[in-house]
Amino acid sequence: MADGPPASVLFACTHNVIRSPTAAALMRLQFGPLVRVDSVGLRPGEEVSAMAAFVMEELGADISNYAPKGFDHFASEYYEDGPFDLIVSLSPEAHHTVLDLIPALGAEAEYWPTFDPSLAEGSRDQVLMEFRGVRDALAKRIAARFARPSTG
């Protein structure tokens, strides 16, 4: 049973262009400023996926200008926010790296296996369906895992 969100969450995946920025944006939509949220990738891409930006825009979240970053960002002398309460890995590769970074980068780690929709094939509509499926599955997982405690 979840007891509300931690104070800070880092979402990690392979390239930081689809899954982790999507999860971070969904977390912000659900919890706003209550939770410090960020995302990271093992081998960050150049820019966020246009398809990911499109399906997040459908929910009112703009990730189109997000700049993907790697783990070295959090080791930088300019990063002063300290470790995260929880790091959620969305790809197996990221999870192996994250486990080596506990407790320096985060207190705890969880692995949420998440399909990489960049592997989807077919028409634009079929690929969009896969991106929406990943988005919606992450939204449900976030809501279930970080449910606010009921009052009353």
Protein backbone atom coordinates (compact mmCIF):
# COMPACT_ATOMS: atom_id res chain seq x y z
CA MET A 1 0.00 0.00 0.00
CA ALA A 2 1.43 3.35 -1.04
CA ASP A 3 1.65 6.13 1.50
CA GLY A 4 2.01 9.08 -0.82
CA PRO A 5 4.85 10.26 -2.97
CA PRO A 6 8.43 10.64 -1.82
CA ALA A 7 9.87 14.15 -1.75
CA SER A 8 12.02 13.49 -4.83
CA VAL A 9 12.00 11.00 -7.71
CA LEU A 10 14.42 10.46 -10.59
CA PHE A 11 13.22 8.48 -13.62
CA ALA A 12 15.97 6.73 -15.59
CA CYS A 13 16.00 5.01 -18.97
CA THR A 14 18.39 4.40 -21.82
CA HIS A 15 18.33 7.60 -23.89
CA ASN A 16 16.22 10.06 -21.85
CA VAL A 17 14.14 10.97 -24.90
CA ILE A 18 10.87 9.03 -24.40
CA ARG A 19 10.18 6.97 -21.28
CA SER A 20 11.89 8.90 -18.49
CA PRO A 21 10.88 12.41 -19.64
CA THR A 22 7.33 11.11 -20.11
CA ALA A 23 7.29 9.63 -16.60
CA ALA A 24 8.74 12.81 -15.10
CA ALA A 25 6.12 14.95 -16.85
CA LEU A 26 3.33 12.62 -15.68
CA MET A 27 4.63 12.83 -12.11
CA ARG A 28 4.60 16.63 -12.33
CA LEU A 29 1.04 16.56 -13.70
CA GLN A 30 -0.12 14.43 -10.78
CA PHE A 31 1.85 16.01 -7.94
CA GLY A 32 2.96 19.44 -9.13
CA PRO A 33 5.54 21.10 -6.90
CA LEU A 34 5.00 18.61 -4.05
CA VAL A 35 7.69 16.33 -5.50
CA ARG A 36 11.10 17.21 -6.97
CA VAL A 37 11.20 15.25 -10.23
CA ASP A 38 13.84 14.79 -12.89
CA SER A 39 14.85 12.28 -15.55
CA VAL A 40 18.10 10.87 -16.91
CA GLY A 41 19.46 8.48 -19.52
CA LEU A 42 22.49 6.23 -19.83
CA ARG A 43 23.30 7.50 -23.30
CA PRO A 44 21.25 10.67 -23.69
CA GLY A 45 19.89 11.44 -27.12
CA GLU A 46 20.01 14.81 -28.83
CA GLU A 47 16.39 15.80 -28.27
CA VAL A 48 13.15 14.47 -26.89
CA SER A 49 11.12 12.27 -29.24
CA ALA A 50 8.57 14.21 -31.30
CA MET A 51 6.07 11.38 -30.78
CA ALA A 52 6.57 11.49 -27.00
CA ALA A 53 6.10 15.27 -27.05
CA PHE A 54 2.94 14.84 -29.14
CA VAL A 55 1.28 12.32 -26.81
CA MET A 56 2.22 14.36 -23.73
CA GLU A 57 0.78 17.50 -25.33
CA GLU A 58 -2.52 15.58 -25.53
CA LEU A 59 -2.51 15.71 -21.71
CA GLY A 60 -1.44 19.33 -21.57
CA ALA A 61 2.24 18.71 -20.74
CA ASP A 62 4.88 20.29 -22.95
CA ILE A 63 8.13 18.28 -23.03
CA SER A 64 9.13 19.43 -26.52
CA ASN A 65 11.98 21.63 -25.25
CA TYR A 66 13.31 19.11 -22.73
CA ALA A 67 17.07 18.63 -23.07
CA PRO A 68 18.08 14.99 -22.43
CA LYS A 69 20.84 14.49 -19.89
CA GLY A 70 23.07 11.74 -18.57
CA PHE A 71 24.04 10.64 -15.09
CA ASP A 72 27.09 12.92 -15.20
CA HIS A 73 24.69 15.88 -14.85
CA PHE A 74 24.00 14.82 -11.28
CA ALA A 75 27.70 14.43 -10.47
CA SER A 76 28.42 17.94 -11.67
CA GLU A 77 29.72 20.52 -9.22
CA TYR A 78 26.78 22.70 -10.30
CA TYR A 79 24.16 20.18 -9.19
CA GLU A 80 23.28 21.10 -5.61
CA ASP A 81 19.90 19.46 -4.97
CA GLY A 82 21.34 16.30 -3.43
CA PRO A 83 20.28 12.68 -3.84
CA PHE A 84 16.77 11.56 -4.70
CA ASP A 85 14.54 9.60 -2.32
CA LEU A 86 13.73 7.17 -5.13
CA ILE A 87 15.14 6.34 -8.54
CA VAL A 88 12.76 4.51 -10.88
CA SER A 89 14.46 2.68 -13.74
CA LEU A 90 12.41 2.07 -16.86
CA SER A 91 14.95 0.00 -18.83
CA PRO A 92 17.12 -2.93 -17.71
CA GLU A 93 20.33 -1.16 -18.72
CA ALA A 94 19.45 1.90 -16.67
CA HIS A 95 18.56 -0.23 -13.68
CA HIS A 96 21.97 -1.92 -13.61
CA THR A 97 23.63 1.50 -13.59
CA VAL A 98 21.25 2.89 -10.97
CA LEU A 99 21.97 0.04 -8.57
CA ASP A 100 25.64 1.03 -8.63
CA LEU A 101 24.70 4.62 -7.78
CA ILE A 102 22.77 3.84 -4.58
CA PRO A 103 23.14 5.62 -2.12
CA ALA A 104 25.16 8.41 -3.81
CA LEU A 105 22.39 9.42 -6.24
CA GLY A 106 19.34 8.01 -4.49
CA ALA A 107 18.21 6.27 -1.33
CA GLU A 108 16.20 3.53 -3.07
CA ALA A 109 15.71 2.09 -6.54
CA GLU A 110 12.80 0.38 -8.24
CA TYR A 111 12.60 -1.22 -11.66
CA TRP A 112 9.48 -0.73 -13.73
CA PRO A 113 9.97 -2.65 -17.01
CA THR A 114 8.64 -0.33 -19.72
CA PHE A 115 8.42 -1.04 -23.45
CA ASP A 116 10.50 1.27 -25.63
CA PRO A 117 7.93 2.64 -28.11
CA SER A 118 10.69 3.72 -30.51
CA LEU A 119 10.78 0.02 -31.44
CA ALA A 120 7.15 0.15 -32.64
CA GLU A 121 6.54 -0.41 -36.32
CA GLY A 122 3.64 0.36 -38.61
CA SER A 123 1.71 3.43 -39.64
CA ARG A 124 1.98 6.73 -37.78
CA ASP A 125 -1.32 5.94 -36.03
CA GLN A 126 -0.06 2.50 -34.97
CA VAL A 127 3.17 3.98 -33.59
CA LEU A 128 1.22 6.72 -31.80
CA MET A 129 -0.93 3.99 -30.22
CA GLU A 130 2.24 2.42 -28.77
CA PHE A 131 3.45 5.78 -27.43
CA ARG A 132 0.04 6.42 -25.86
CA GLY A 133 0.06 2.92 -24.38
CA VAL A 134 3.42 3.56 -22.70
CA ARG A 135 2.24 6.99 -21.49
CA ASP A 136 -1.00 5.60 -20.07
CA ALA A 137 0.71 2.61 -18.42
CA LEU A 138 3.23 4.93 -16.75
CA ALA A 139 0.43 7.25 -15.59
CA LYS A 140 -1.41 4.31 -14.00
CA ARG A 141 1.76 3.00 -12.39
CA ILE A 142 2.60 6.42 -10.96
CA ALA A 143 -0.94 6.89 -9.64
CA ALA A 144 -0.95 3.44 -8.04
CA ARG A 145 2.56 3.61 -6.57
CA PHE A 146 2.36 7.16 -5.26
CA ALA A 147 -1.31 7.35 -4.30
CA ARG A 148 -2.00 10.05 -1.81
CA PRO A 149 -3.21 8.68 1.51
CA SER A 150 -6.93 8.96 1.97
CA THR A 151 -8.07 11.44 4.58
CA GLY A 152 -11.01 10.83 6.77
